Each structure stands twice: as structure tokens, then as C-alpha cells.
C-alpha atoms as a PDB file:
ATOM      1  CA  MET A   1     -14.152  12.116 -14.565  1.00  0.00           C
ATOM      2  CA  ARG A   2     -17.040   9.627 -14.340  1.00  0.00           C
ATOM      3  CA  TYR A   3     -17.198   6.403 -12.370  1.00  0.00           C
ATOM      4  CA  GLU A   4     -17.012   4.465 -15.640  1.00  0.00           C
ATOM      5  CA  ASP A   5     -13.613   6.067 -16.346  1.00  0.00           C
ATOM      6  CA  ILE A   6     -11.918   4.432 -13.346  1.00  0.00           C
ATOM      7  CA  GLN A   7     -11.465   1.018 -14.970  1.00  0.00           C
ATOM      8  CA  PRO A   8      -9.870   2.418 -18.180  1.00  0.00           C
ATOM      9  CA  LEU A   9      -7.592   4.580 -16.021  1.00  0.00           C
ATOM     10  CA  GLY A  10      -6.463   1.553 -14.061  1.00  0.00           C
ATOM     11  CA  LEU A  11      -5.908  -0.491 -17.209  1.00  0.00           C
ATOM     12  CA  ARG A  12      -3.714   2.237 -18.717  1.00  0.00           C
ATOM     13  CA  ILE A  13      -1.523   2.348 -15.629  1.00  0.00           C
ATOM     14  CA  GLN A  14      -1.327  -1.456 -15.413  1.00  0.00           C
ATOM     15  CA  GLU A  15      -0.347  -1.699 -19.080  1.00  0.00           C
ATOM     16  CA  ASN A  16       2.384   0.874 -18.525  1.00  0.00           C
ATOM     17  CA  ILE A  17       3.715  -1.088 -15.537  1.00  0.00           C
ATOM     18  CA  SER A  18       3.637  -4.365 -17.500  1.00  0.00           C
ATOM     19  CA  ARG A  19       6.111  -2.873 -19.987  1.00  0.00           C
ATOM     20  CA  VAL A  20       8.689  -2.920 -17.198  1.00  0.00           C
ATOM     21  CA  LEU A  21       7.593  -5.526 -14.656  1.00  0.00           C
ATOM     22  CA  VAL A  22       7.265  -9.097 -15.933  1.00  0.00           C
ATOM     23  CA  GLY A  23       4.612 -11.259 -14.280  1.00  0.00           C
ATOM     24  CA  GLY A  24       3.503  -8.654 -11.757  1.00  0.00           C
ATOM     25  CA  LYS A  25      -0.123  -8.159 -12.823  1.00  0.00           C
ATOM     26  CA  GLU A  26      -1.605  -9.169  -9.476  1.00  0.00           C
ATOM     27  CA  ALA A  27       0.808  -6.956  -7.530  1.00  0.00           C
ATOM     28  CA  ALA A  28       0.053  -4.011  -9.837  1.00  0.00           C
ATOM     29  CA  GLU A  29      -3.693  -4.496  -9.250  1.00  0.00           C
ATOM     30  CA  LEU A  30      -3.233  -4.497  -5.485  1.00  0.00           C
ATOM     31  CA  LEU A  31      -1.049  -1.396  -5.633  1.00  0.00           C
ATOM     32  CA  LEU A  32      -3.675   0.426  -7.701  1.00  0.00           C
ATOM     33  CA  THR A  33      -6.330  -0.684  -5.239  1.00  0.00           C
ATOM     34  CA  ALA A  34      -4.438   0.958  -2.383  1.00  0.00           C
ATOM     35  CA  VAL A  35      -3.927   4.116  -4.432  1.00  0.00           C
ATOM     36  CA  LEU A  36      -7.605   4.516  -5.375  1.00  0.00           C
ATOM     37  CA  ALA A  37      -8.747   3.594  -1.867  1.00  0.00           C
ATOM     38  CA  GLY A  38      -6.636   6.377  -0.395  1.00  0.00           C
ATOM     39  CA  GLY A  39      -4.239   4.086   1.465  1.00  0.00           C
ATOM     40  CA  HIS A  40      -0.579   3.159   1.549  1.00  0.00           C
ATOM     41  CA  ALA A  41       0.991  -0.066   0.300  1.00  0.00           C
ATOM     42  CA  LEU A  42       3.705  -2.271   1.813  1.00  0.00           C
ATOM     43  CA  MET A  43       5.559  -4.833  -0.296  1.00  0.00           C
ATOM     44  CA  GLU A  44       7.547  -7.503   1.548  1.00  0.00           C
ATOM     45  CA  ASP A  45       9.807  -9.888  -0.318  1.00  0.00           C
ATOM     46  CA  VAL A  46      13.404 -10.994  -0.619  1.00  0.00           C
ATOM     47  CA  PRO A  47      15.776  -8.564  -2.366  1.00  0.00           C
ATOM     48  CA  GLY A  48      15.740  -8.477  -6.147  1.00  0.00           C
ATOM     49  CA  THR A  49      12.159  -9.554  -6.876  1.00  0.00           C
ATOM     50  CA  GLY A  50      11.038  -6.248  -8.406  1.00  0.00           C
ATOM     51  CA  LYS A  51       9.532  -4.288  -5.497  1.00  0.00           C
ATOM     52  CA  THR A  52      11.380  -1.071  -6.273  1.00  0.00           C
ATOM     53  CA  THR A  53      10.833  -1.548 -10.007  1.00  0.00           C
ATOM     54  CA  LEU A  54       7.075  -1.784  -9.502  1.00  0.00           C
ATOM     55  CA  ALA A  55       7.018   1.363  -7.377  1.00  0.00           C
ATOM     56  CA  LYS A  56       9.130   3.310  -9.878  1.00  0.00           C
ATOM     57  CA  ALA A  57       7.065   2.124 -12.846  1.00  0.00           C
ATOM     58  CA  PHE A  58       3.882   3.279 -11.113  1.00  0.00           C
ATOM     59  CA  ALA A  59       5.422   6.638 -10.185  1.00  0.00           C
ATOM     60  CA  ARG A  60       6.542   7.209 -13.791  1.00  0.00           C
ATOM     61  CA  SER A  61       3.057   6.319 -15.029  1.00  0.00           C
ATOM     62  CA  VAL A  62       1.519   9.139 -12.986  1.00  0.00           C
ATOM     63  CA  SER A  63       2.733  12.688 -13.446  1.00  0.00           C
ATOM     64  CA  GLY A  64       3.352  14.157 -10.014  1.00  0.00           C
ATOM     65  CA  ARG A  65       6.148  14.785  -7.573  1.00  0.00           C
ATOM     66  CA  PHE A  66       8.013  11.583  -6.793  1.00  0.00           C
ATOM     67  CA  GLU A  67      10.649  11.084  -4.104  1.00  0.00           C
ATOM     68  CA  ARG A  68      12.619   8.070  -2.994  1.00  0.00           C
ATOM     69  CA  ILE A  69      14.195   7.497   0.415  1.00  0.00           C
ATOM     70  CA  GLN A  70      16.664   4.656   0.873  1.00  0.00           C
ATOM     71  CA  PHE A  71      16.175   3.700   4.512  1.00  0.00           C
ATOM     72  CA  THR A  72      19.397   2.826   6.333  1.00  0.00           C
ATOM     73  CA  PRO A  73      20.323   2.408  10.021  1.00  0.00           C
ATOM     74  CA  ASP A  74      21.917   5.882  10.158  1.00  0.00           C
ATOM     75  CA  LEU A  75      18.907   7.696   8.633  1.00  0.00           C
ATOM     76  CA  LEU A  76      17.478  10.358  10.974  1.00  0.00           C
ATOM     77  CA  PRO A  77      13.825  11.445  11.321  1.00  0.00           C
ATOM     78  CA  SER A  78      14.740  14.909  10.024  1.00  0.00           C
ATOM     79  CA  ASP A  79      16.150  13.284   6.871  1.00  0.00           C
ATOM     80  CA  VAL A  80      12.580  12.172   6.151  1.00  0.00           C
ATOM     81  CA  THR A  81      10.350  15.002   7.338  1.00  0.00           C
ATOM     82  CA  GLY A  82      12.674  18.019   7.176  1.00  0.00           C
ATOM     83  CA  THR A  83      14.153  20.349   9.764  1.00  0.00           C
ATOM     84  CA  ARG A  84      14.532  23.998  10.722  1.00  0.00           C
ATOM     85  CA  VAL A  85      17.554  25.779   9.275  1.00  0.00           C
ATOM     86  CA  TRP A  86      18.979  29.122  10.358  1.00  0.00           C
ATOM     87  CA  GLN A  87      18.490  31.798   7.711  1.00  0.00           C
ATOM     88  CA  GLN A  88      21.367  34.246   8.036  1.00  0.00           C
ATOM     89  CA  ASP A  89      19.771  36.950   5.875  1.00  0.00           C
ATOM     90  CA  GLU A  90      16.448  36.945   7.742  1.00  0.00           C
ATOM     91  CA  GLY A  91      17.883  36.224  11.188  1.00  0.00           C
ATOM     92  CA  CYS A  92      15.484  33.395  11.989  1.00  0.00           C
ATOM     93  CA  PHE A  93      14.894  29.681  11.567  1.00  0.00           C
ATOM     94  CA  ALA A  94      12.934  28.447   8.545  1.00  0.00           C
ATOM     95  CA  PHE A  95      11.496  24.997   7.977  1.00  0.00           C
ATOM     96  CA  MET A  96      13.163  23.132   5.117  1.00  0.00           C
ATOM     97  CA  GLN A  97      10.894  20.443   3.737  1.00  0.00           C
ATOM     98  CA  GLY A  98      12.150  16.874   3.575  1.00  0.00           C
ATOM     99  CA  PRO A  99      11.541  14.361   0.797  1.00  0.00           C
ATOM    100  CA  VAL A 100       8.240  13.316   2.377  1.00  0.00           C
ATOM    101  CA  PHE A 101       6.673  16.444   0.830  1.00  0.00           C
ATOM    102  CA  CYS A 102       5.647  14.798  -2.421  1.00  0.00           C
ATOM    103  CA  ASN A 103       2.746  12.971  -4.056  1.00  0.00           C
ATOM    104  CA  ILE A 104       4.352   9.533  -4.288  1.00  0.00           C
ATOM    105  CA  LEU A 105       6.992   8.502  -1.770  1.00  0.00           C
ATOM    106  CA  LEU A 106       9.008   5.326  -2.246  1.00  0.00           C
ATOM    107  CA  ALA A 107      10.233   4.234   1.189  1.00  0.00           C
ATOM    108  CA  ASP A 108      12.769   1.658   0.059  1.00  0.00           C
ATOM    109  CA  GLU A 109      13.720  -1.067   2.563  1.00  0.00           C
ATOM    110  CA  ILE A 110      11.844   0.797   5.294  1.00  0.00           C
ATOM    111  CA  ASN A 111      12.638  -1.825   7.939  1.00  0.00           C
ATOM    112  CA  ARG A 112      16.388  -1.184   7.682  1.00  0.00           C
ATOM    113  CA  ALA A 113      15.931   2.112   9.543  1.00  0.00           C
ATOM    114  CA  THR A 114      15.775   2.275  13.321  1.00  0.00           C
ATOM    115  CA  PRO A 115      12.388   2.438  15.086  1.00  0.00           C
ATOM    116  CA  ARG A 116      13.036   6.112  15.858  1.00  0.00           C
ATOM    117  CA  THR A 117      13.209   6.958  12.163  1.00  0.00           C
ATOM    118  CA  GLN A 118      10.335   4.645  11.278  1.00  0.00           C
ATOM    119  CA  SER A 119       8.147   6.534  13.749  1.00  0.00           C
ATOM    120  CA  ALA A 120       8.720   9.735  11.762  1.00  0.00           C
ATOM    121  CA  MET A 121       6.406   8.266   9.118  1.00  0.00           C
ATOM    122  CA  LEU A 122       3.439   7.758  11.457  1.00  0.00           C
ATOM    123  CA  GLU A 123       2.005  11.277  11.382  1.00  0.00           C
ATOM    124  CA  CYS A 124       2.735  11.609   7.660  1.00  0.00           C
ATOM    125  CA  MET A 125       0.821   8.453   6.792  1.00  0.00           C
ATOM    126  CA  ALA A 126      -2.087   8.921   9.202  1.00  0.00           C
ATOM    127  CA  GLU A 127      -2.723  12.661   9.018  1.00  0.00           C
ATOM    128  CA  GLU A 128      -0.835  13.731   5.862  1.00  0.00           C
ATOM    129  CA  GLN A 129       1.061  16.421   7.690  1.00  0.00           C
ATOM    130  CA  VAL A 130       4.372  17.062   9.453  1.00  0.00           C
ATOM    131  CA  THR A 131       4.542  18.810  12.815  1.00  0.00           C
ATOM    132  CA  GLU A 132       7.822  20.529  13.598  1.00  0.00           C
ATOM    133  CA  GLY A 133       8.530  23.230  16.133  1.00  0.00           C
ATOM    134  CA  GLY A 134       4.868  23.389  17.133  1.00  0.00           C
ATOM    135  CA  GLN A 135       3.698  24.074  13.582  1.00  0.00           C
ATOM    136  CA  SER A 136       1.882  21.672  11.251  1.00  0.00           C
ATOM    137  CA  HIS A 137       2.848  21.548   7.599  1.00  0.00           C
ATOM    138  CA  PRO A 138       0.336  19.810   5.283  1.00  0.00           C
ATOM    139  CA  LEU A 139       1.611  17.351   2.714  1.00  0.00           C
ATOM    140  CA  PRO A 140       0.639  17.589  -0.974  1.00  0.00           C
ATOM    141  CA  THR A 141      -2.615  15.969  -2.085  1.00  0.00           C
ATOM    142  CA  PRO A 142      -2.775  13.149  -2.943  1.00  0.00           C
ATOM    143  CA  PHE A 143      -0.037  11.641  -0.783  1.00  0.00           C
ATOM    144  CA  LEU A 144       0.878   7.979  -1.177  1.00  0.00           C
ATOM    145  CA  VAL A 145       3.578   5.884   0.492  1.00  0.00           C
ATOM    146  CA  ILE A 146       4.814   2.796  -1.336  1.00  0.00           C
ATOM    147  CA  ALA A 147       7.123   1.010   1.064  1.00  0.00           C
ATOM    148  CA  THR A 148       9.275  -2.048   0.530  1.00  0.00           C
ATOM    149  CA  GLN A 149      10.783  -4.232   3.192  1.00  0.00           C
ATOM    150  CA  ASN A 150      12.881  -7.350   3.382  1.00  0.00           C
ATOM    151  CA  PRO A 151      11.708 -10.318   5.482  1.00  0.00           C
ATOM    152  CA  VAL A 152      12.425  -9.802   9.182  1.00  0.00           C
ATOM    153  CA  GLU A 153      14.813 -12.760   9.143  1.00  0.00           C
ATOM    154  CA  THR A 154      17.105 -10.816   6.803  1.00  0.00           C
ATOM    155  CA  GLN A 155      20.265  -9.458   8.431  1.00  0.00           C
ATOM    156  CA  GLY A 156      20.149  -5.812   9.503  1.00  0.00           C
ATOM    157  CA  THR A 157      16.375  -5.300   9.713  1.00  0.00           C
ATOM    158  CA  PHE A 158      14.135  -3.833  12.424  1.00  0.00           C
ATOM    159  CA  PRO A 159      10.569  -5.178  12.582  1.00  0.00           C
ATOM    160  CA  LEU A 160       7.933  -2.515  11.959  1.00  0.00           C
ATOM    161  CA  PRO A 161       5.843  -1.828  15.082  1.00  0.00           C
ATOM    162  CA  GLU A 162       2.168  -2.796  15.037  1.00  0.00           C
ATOM    163  CA  ALA A 163       1.095   0.868  15.034  1.00  0.00           C
ATOM    164  CA  GLN A 164       2.966   1.514  11.791  1.00  0.00           C
ATOM    165  CA  LEU A 165       1.864  -1.721  10.133  1.00  0.00           C
ATOM    166  CA  ASP A 166      -1.707  -0.643  10.854  1.00  0.00           C
ATOM    167  CA  ARG A 167      -1.124   2.492   8.752  1.00  0.00           C
ATOM    168  CA  PHE A 168      -0.574   0.393   5.625  1.00  0.00           C
ATOM    169  CA  MET A 169      -3.817  -0.478   3.905  1.00  0.00           C
ATOM    170  CA  LEU A 170      -2.372  -3.415   1.956  1.00  0.00           C
ATOM    171  CA  GLN A 171       0.618  -5.705   2.221  1.00  0.00           C
ATOM    172  CA  PHE A 172       1.572  -8.109  -0.538  1.00  0.00           C
ATOM    173  CA  SER A 173       4.535  -9.844  -2.178  1.00  0.00           C
ATOM    174  CA  LEU A 174       5.640 -10.300  -5.753  1.00  0.00           C
ATOM    175  CA  GLY A 175       7.320 -13.668  -5.401  1.00  0.00           C
ATOM    176  CA  TYR A 176       9.727 -15.266  -7.840  1.00  0.00           C
ATOM    177  CA  PRO A 177       8.799 -15.207 -11.539  1.00  0.00           C
ATOM    178  CA  SER A 178       7.948 -18.368 -13.451  1.00  0.00           C
ATOM    179  CA  ARG A 179      10.414 -19.889 -15.891  1.00  0.00           C
ATOM    180  CA  ALA A 180       8.632 -18.315 -18.860  1.00  0.00           C
ATOM    181  CA  ASP A 181       8.546 -14.916 -17.139  1.00  0.00           C
ATOM    182  CA  THR A 182      12.255 -15.204 -16.352  1.00  0.00           C
ATOM    183  CA  VAL A 183      13.040 -15.810 -20.032  1.00  0.00           C
ATOM    184  CA  GLU A 184      10.933 -12.790 -21.016  1.00  0.00           C
ATOM    185  CA  LEU A 185      12.664 -10.720 -18.327  1.00  0.00           C
ATOM    186  CA  LEU A 186      16.088 -11.591 -19.711  1.00  0.00           C
ATOM    187  CA  GLN A 187      15.023 -10.809 -23.251  1.00  0.00           C
ATOM    188  CA  ARG A 188      13.402  -7.519 -22.317  1.00  0.00           C
ATOM    189  CA  PHE A 189      16.357  -6.186 -20.326  1.00  0.00           C
ATOM    190  CA  SER A 190      19.173  -7.606 -22.461  1.00  0.00           C
ATOM    191  CA  ARG A 191      19.614  -4.519 -24.642  1.00  0.00           C
ATOM    192  CA  SER A 192      17.688  -1.700 -22.997  1.00  0.00           C
ATOM    193  CA  GLU A 193      16.222  -0.352 -19.780  1.00  0.00           C
ATOM    194  CA  PRO A 194      12.418  -0.324 -20.230  1.00  0.00           C
ATOM    195  CA  LEU A 195      11.868   1.838 -17.142  1.00  0.00           C
ATOM    196  CA  GLU A 196      13.530   4.806 -18.830  1.00  0.00           C
ATOM    197  CA  ALA A 197      10.977   4.707 -21.656  1.00  0.00           C
ATOM    198  CA  VAL A 198       7.888   4.813 -19.413  1.00  0.00           C
ATOM    199  CA  GLU A 199       5.786   7.933 -19.970  1.00  0.00           C
ATOM    200  CA  PRO A 200       2.936   9.245 -17.767  1.00  0.00           C
ATOM    201  CA  VAL A 201      -0.552   8.040 -18.699  1.00  0.00           C
ATOM    202  CA  ALA A 202      -2.362   9.768 -15.795  1.00  0.00           C
ATOM    203  CA  ASP A 203      -1.897  12.653 -13.376  1.00  0.00           C
ATOM    204  CA  VAL A 204      -2.450  13.155  -9.664  1.00  0.00           C
ATOM    205  CA  ARG A 205      -5.630  15.159 -10.312  1.00  0.00           C
ATOM    206  CA  GLN A 206      -7.191  12.126 -11.976  1.00  0.00           C
ATOM    207  CA  LEU A 207      -6.143   9.941  -9.047  1.00  0.00           C
ATOM    208  CA  SER A 208      -7.791  12.344  -6.601  1.00  0.00           C
ATOM    209  CA  GLU A 209     -11.010  12.381  -8.608  1.00  0.00           C
ATOM    210  CA  ALA A 210     -10.992   8.587  -8.926  1.00  0.00           C
ATOM    211  CA  ARG A 211     -10.521   8.249  -5.157  1.00  0.00           C
ATOM    212  CA  SER A 212     -13.612  10.340  -4.514  1.00  0.00           C
ATOM    213  CA  LEU A 213     -15.665   8.393  -7.052  1.00  0.00           C
ATOM    214  CA  CYS A 214     -14.656   5.051  -5.524  1.00  0.00           C
ATOM    215  CA  ARG A 215     -16.399   6.096  -2.298  1.00  0.00           C
ATOM    216  CA  THR A 216     -19.711   6.077  -4.201  1.00  0.00           C
ATOM    217  CA  CYS A 217     -19.444   2.338  -4.869  1.00  0.00           C
ATOM    218  CA  GLU A 218     -22.589   0.670  -3.501  1.00  0.00           C
ATOM    219  CA  THR A 219     -22.227  -1.650  -0.524  1.00  0.00           C
ATOM    220  CA  ALA A 220     -25.258  -3.770   0.379  1.00  0.00           C
ATOM    221  CA  PRO A 221     -26.161  -4.221   4.082  1.00  0.00           C
ATOM    222  CA  ASP A 222     -25.550  -7.980   3.894  1.00  0.00           C
ATOM    223  CA  ILE A 223     -21.994  -7.318   2.656  1.00  0.00           C
ATOM    224  CA  LEU A 224     -21.353  -5.003   5.590  1.00  0.00           C
ATOM    225  CA  ASP A 225     -22.747  -7.604   7.980  1.00  0.00           C
ATOM    226  CA  TYR A 226     -20.494 -10.255   6.410  1.00  0.00           C
ATOM    227  CA  MET A 227     -17.425  -8.070   6.894  1.00  0.00           C
ATOM    228  CA  ALA A 228     -18.378  -7.356  10.516  1.00  0.00           C
ATOM    229  CA  ALA A 229     -18.912 -11.066  11.235  1.00  0.00           C
ATOM    230  CA  PHE A 230     -15.604 -11.930   9.569  1.00  0.00           C
ATOM    231  CA  ALA A 231     -13.725  -9.290  11.584  1.00  0.00           C
ATOM    232  CA  GLU A 232     -15.330 -10.527  14.801  1.00  0.00           C
ATOM    233  CA  ALA A 233     -14.269 -14.098  14.019  1.00  0.00           C
ATOM    234  CA  ALA A 234     -10.746 -12.857  13.275  1.00  0.00           C
ATOM    235  CA  ARG A 235     -10.540 -11.538  16.865  1.00  0.00           C
ATOM    236  CA  ASN A 236     -10.969 -14.993  18.402  1.00  0.00           C
ATOM    237  CA  PRO A 237      -9.153 -14.556  21.749  1.00  0.00           C
ATOM    238  CA  GLU A 238      -8.220 -18.242  21.926  1.00  0.00           C
ATOM    239  CA  ARG A 239      -6.206 -18.078  18.703  1.00  0.00           C
ATOM    240  CA  VAL A 240      -5.467 -14.406  18.098  1.00  0.00           C
ATOM    241  CA  ARG A 241      -3.511 -12.066  20.348  1.00  0.00           C
ATOM    242  CA  LEU A 242      -4.075  -8.967  18.192  1.00  0.00           C
ATOM    243  CA  GLY A 243      -7.007  -8.869  15.785  1.00  0.00           C
ATOM    244  CA  PRO A 244      -8.121  -6.403  13.111  1.00  0.00           C
ATOM    245  CA  SER A 245      -8.879  -2.931  14.444  1.00  0.00           C
ATOM    246  CA  PRO A 246     -11.865  -0.797  13.397  1.00  0.00           C
ATOM    247  CA  ARG A 247      -9.439   1.112  11.166  1.00  0.00           C
ATOM    248  CA  ALA A 248      -8.498  -2.163   9.488  1.00  0.00           C
ATOM    249  CA  VAL A 249     -12.149  -2.987   8.749  1.00  0.00           C
ATOM    250  CA  LEU A 250     -12.716   0.490   7.313  1.00  0.00           C
ATOM    251  CA  TYR A 251      -9.598   0.113   5.149  1.00  0.00           C
ATOM    252  CA  TRP A 252     -10.983  -3.244   4.032  1.00  0.00           C
ATOM    253  CA  LEU A 253     -14.212  -1.594   2.891  1.00  0.00           C
ATOM    254  CA  ARG A 254     -12.353   1.182   1.046  1.00  0.00           C
ATOM    255  CA  ALA A 255     -10.141  -1.384  -0.675  1.00  0.00           C
ATOM    256  CA  CYS A 256     -13.180  -3.417  -1.752  1.00  0.00           C
ATOM    257  CA  GLN A 257     -14.780  -0.303  -3.226  1.00  0.00           C
ATOM    258  CA  ALA A 258     -11.629   0.479  -5.221  1.00  0.00           C
ATOM    259  CA  TRP A 259     -11.259  -3.162  -6.334  1.00  0.00           C
ATOM    260  CA  ALA A 260     -14.851  -3.199  -7.596  1.00  0.00           C
ATOM    261  CA  ALA A 261     -14.327   0.067  -9.476  1.00  0.00           C
ATOM    262  CA  LEU A 262     -11.146  -1.250 -11.105  1.00  0.00           C
ATOM    263  CA  HIS A 263     -13.149  -4.233 -12.345  1.00  0.00           C
ATOM    264  CA  GLY A 264     -15.959  -2.133 -13.764  1.00  0.00           C
ATOM    265  CA  ARG A 265     -18.589  -2.689 -11.087  1.00  0.00           C
ATOM    266  CA  PRO A 266     -20.469   0.017  -9.130  1.00  0.00           C
ATOM    267  CA  TYR A 267     -21.096  -2.399  -6.251  1.00  0.00           C
ATOM    268  CA  ILE A 268     -19.166  -4.846  -4.039  1.00  0.00           C
ATOM    269  CA  ILE A 269     -19.671  -8.605  -4.207  1.00  0.00           C
ATOM    270  CA  PRO A 270     -18.580 -11.223  -1.624  1.00  0.00           C
ATOM    271  CA  ASP A 271     -15.679 -12.322  -3.831  1.00  0.00           C
ATOM    272  CA  ASP A 272     -14.184  -8.818  -3.515  1.00  0.00           C
ATOM    273  CA  VAL A 273     -14.323  -9.085   0.267  1.00  0.00           C
ATOM    274  CA  LYS A 274     -12.691 -12.521   0.296  1.00  0.00           C
ATOM    275  CA  ARG A 275     -10.059 -11.570  -2.282  1.00  0.00           C
ATOM    276  CA  LEU A 276      -8.817  -8.633  -0.211  1.00  0.00           C
ATOM    277  CA  ALA A 277      -9.105 -10.200   3.252  1.00  0.00           C
ATOM    278  CA  VAL A 278      -5.512 -11.460   3.329  1.00  0.00           C
ATOM    279  CA  PRO A 279      -3.781  -8.384   1.786  1.00  0.00           C
ATOM    280  CA  VAL A 280      -5.659  -6.016   4.127  1.00  0.00           C
ATOM    281  CA  LEU A 281      -5.887  -7.984   7.369  1.00  0.00           C
ATOM    282  CA  ALA A 282      -3.054 -10.541   7.561  1.00  0.00           C
ATOM    283  CA  HIS A 283      -0.222  -8.138   8.437  1.00  0.00           C
ATOM    284  CA  ARG A 284      -2.289  -6.760  11.342  1.00  0.00           C
ATOM    285  CA  LEU A 285      -2.852 -10.096  13.099  1.00  0.00           C
ATOM    286  CA  LEU A 286      -0.696 -11.584  15.838  1.00  0.00           C
ATOM    287  CA  MET A 287      -1.408 -15.239  16.504  1.00  0.00           C
ATOM    288  CA  ARG A 288      -1.184 -16.855  19.937  1.00  0.00           C
ATOM    289  CA  GLY A 289       1.343 -19.568  20.826  1.00  0.00           C
ATOM    290  CA  LEU A 290       4.973 -19.679  19.809  1.00  0.00           C
ATOM    291  CA  GLY A 291       4.650 -23.259  18.638  1.00  0.00           C
ATOM    292  CA  GLN A 292       1.514 -22.643  16.595  1.00  0.00           C
ATOM    293  CA  GLN A 293       2.183 -23.371  12.940  1.00  0.00           C
ATOM    294  CA  ILE A 294      -0.754 -21.532  11.391  1.00  0.00           C
ATOM    295  CA  THR A 295       0.019 -18.159   9.841  1.00  0.00           C
ATOM    296  CA  PRO A 296      -2.330 -15.164   9.832  1.00  0.00           C
ATOM    297  CA  ALA A 297      -2.980 -15.713   6.114  1.00  0.00           C
ATOM    298  CA  ALA A 298      -3.874 -19.377   6.649  1.00  0.00           C
ATOM    299  CA  PHE A 299      -6.108 -18.453   9.587  1.00  0.00           C
ATOM    300  CA  LEU A 300      -8.000 -15.927   7.442  1.00  0.00           C
ATOM    301  CA  ARG A 301      -8.452 -18.508   4.700  1.00  0.00           C
ATOM    302  CA  GLU A 302      -9.959 -20.830   7.295  1.00  0.00           C
ATOM    303  CA  LEU A 303     -12.476 -18.146   8.161  1.00  0.00           C
ATOM    304  CA  MET A 304     -13.445 -17.815   4.508  1.00  0.00           C
ATOM    305  CA  ASP A 305     -14.702 -21.394   4.700  1.00  0.00           C
ATOM    306  CA  THR A 306     -16.497 -21.023   8.036  1.00  0.00           C
ATOM    307  CA  VAL A 307     -18.046 -17.524   8.128  1.00  0.00           C
ATOM    308  CA  PRO A 308     -21.388 -17.633   6.229  1.00  0.00           C
ATOM    309  CA  VAL A 309     -21.221 -15.772   2.917  1.00  0.00           C
ATOM    310  CA  PRO A 310     -24.201 -13.712   1.667  1.00  0.00           C
ATOM    311  CA  THR A 311     -26.005 -15.691  -1.027  1.00  0.00           C
ATOM    312  CA  GLU A 312     -27.855 -12.868  -2.721  1.00  0.00           C
ATOM    313  CA  THR A 313     -25.631 -10.720  -4.946  1.00  0.00           C
ATOM    314  CA  ARG A 314     -26.135  -8.204  -7.712  1.00  0.00           C
ATOM    315  CA  GLU A 315     -24.722 -10.580 -10.314  1.00  0.00           C
END
């Protein structure tokens, strides 16, 4: 694969997803960005907006091992990672792999599980391995988690801890469809199930190669300085209790490289940085003051207007 092949690859996958998901082009682009940047994606929205459909459509578009876990309050960590089972014939315990041993894992309604079970995902997402009984078991490559969650105000949910939120490269929402998209949705699903007709248009080997090529995307020094200044401003101690970590800034860079590649450019421009600031950084921020009305997303948009943007670009 060449760098120039990344954009056509992304367009094929997006077109496949659009056959199932109506009006989800932006969400599909962000999901692909996380995939090619080597990160995990978190989709938060009210039930029924198409989060699971998007994840399934992507998984069917890429040939590889796909697993889905429906997170519930009674789910145990071993139900996710696996456990040791006594083998009568051999007279010893053997590790039985859980559903996390796959290429694409759909963690559906992840915040309905207890914090104990949620924590079972930390090592998997950060180090792509499972440690059990003192032994480490590597996960398949590539390994991607697509998680969905309902808003924390929804009944029966447990907020994800900051450490786990920091493992997700991107967080985004689909939102409600427009009136025209709703009509198309009704027409499309009235007589058939489009998801069942989706065929793979890529494989996990191509995704791995594309990930490596995205790292070669050129990043000018003034872009790096802009990102560093933006991250520093986002840690304002008077307004922010928890700012973006160094890992968050690195994820931001990786996401910008993948976004540029998906749009046919071998270099990052300031618009890429600004476009991905909210999806990458907002879910990591904790604002100060219970009565403060500004949200992390609104705060980041304020910074876009105040932090000086590099004026010299490659375009």
C-alpha cells in the first residue's frame, strides 16, 4: 500500500457505511480517523440514534474477527477478558480467551457495567494484552475498541472514570437525523435490512499498513508549537480542574495525521488541528465550578479564537 491509497480506502469504507447509516458521514469520518490513528472511539448519544449500527457497518466493511459485548450491571471482568478453566484430561488450568481477543470489539453501552468490569478494559486498550494468572496474553493486531454509551443522566449508568476516558482517542455523537434523512431512513428500512447486505471492502492487513503510513504525514514545527500552546491554554488552572494530558496531545497529533491522510494530504494544516480539538480533547477536560455554565467543548472553541494560529501553511 502507498500513502496515496489511504484516501480511496477510507472512501470505500465510508460508502459502505452510508448504505446502512443515513446522515452519519461526519461520524463515519471520525471513526475512520480513530482507526487509522491507532486509537479507540467512544460514541455517546441517547438510545436509538445509530451508534451500534455504525459500529456494525464498519465491522462488516472490514474483514477480520469481530466481537460484540453487551455491557450490563451483572457482567464480570472475566466475561470480557477470559478466565482459567480446569482441563480434566490434562489435569491443569488453561486460559480460555474472552471476546476481547478480536480485531474489532464493539463494547455496547459500556457505561451500564460496574466500574470493576469497566476497569477490565484498561490494560486491553492501553497495552493490547490481557494479564491473567501472572501471564500476559497479546491481543490480535490490529485491535480496535468501538464503545457506545448513553448519557450519564440515563437511568442505570455508571460514569466512566477519567483514566478510562483518557484511553479513548475520540469521542463524538451522531445526533438526531434531519427530516429528509428520517424519510430516507424509513424508505431504506421499510422492506429490507441493509446491514445484512454489507460486504467487506477492506481487510485488517490494509488497516495495519494504512496506520503505519499515516505516521509519515508531515507536521511542520509551527503546527506542533500551535498544538502545544493550545494544550497549555486548555490547562488554565483558574477554569480547568483536569486538562489534557501528554497522552491526549499525542493522540491529537496522531488523529490529525490520519485526518489529513483521509483527505488526500501528506501534511497537516491548522484546520485539521482545530477540527479535531473537540473530539479528541473535550471528554478529557473537567471544568471548575459547579455553577459554571460553559462546557468543555465550548471552552475549547473559545481557545480556537484566542490562541494564535500559524499563518503560513502548505496550501
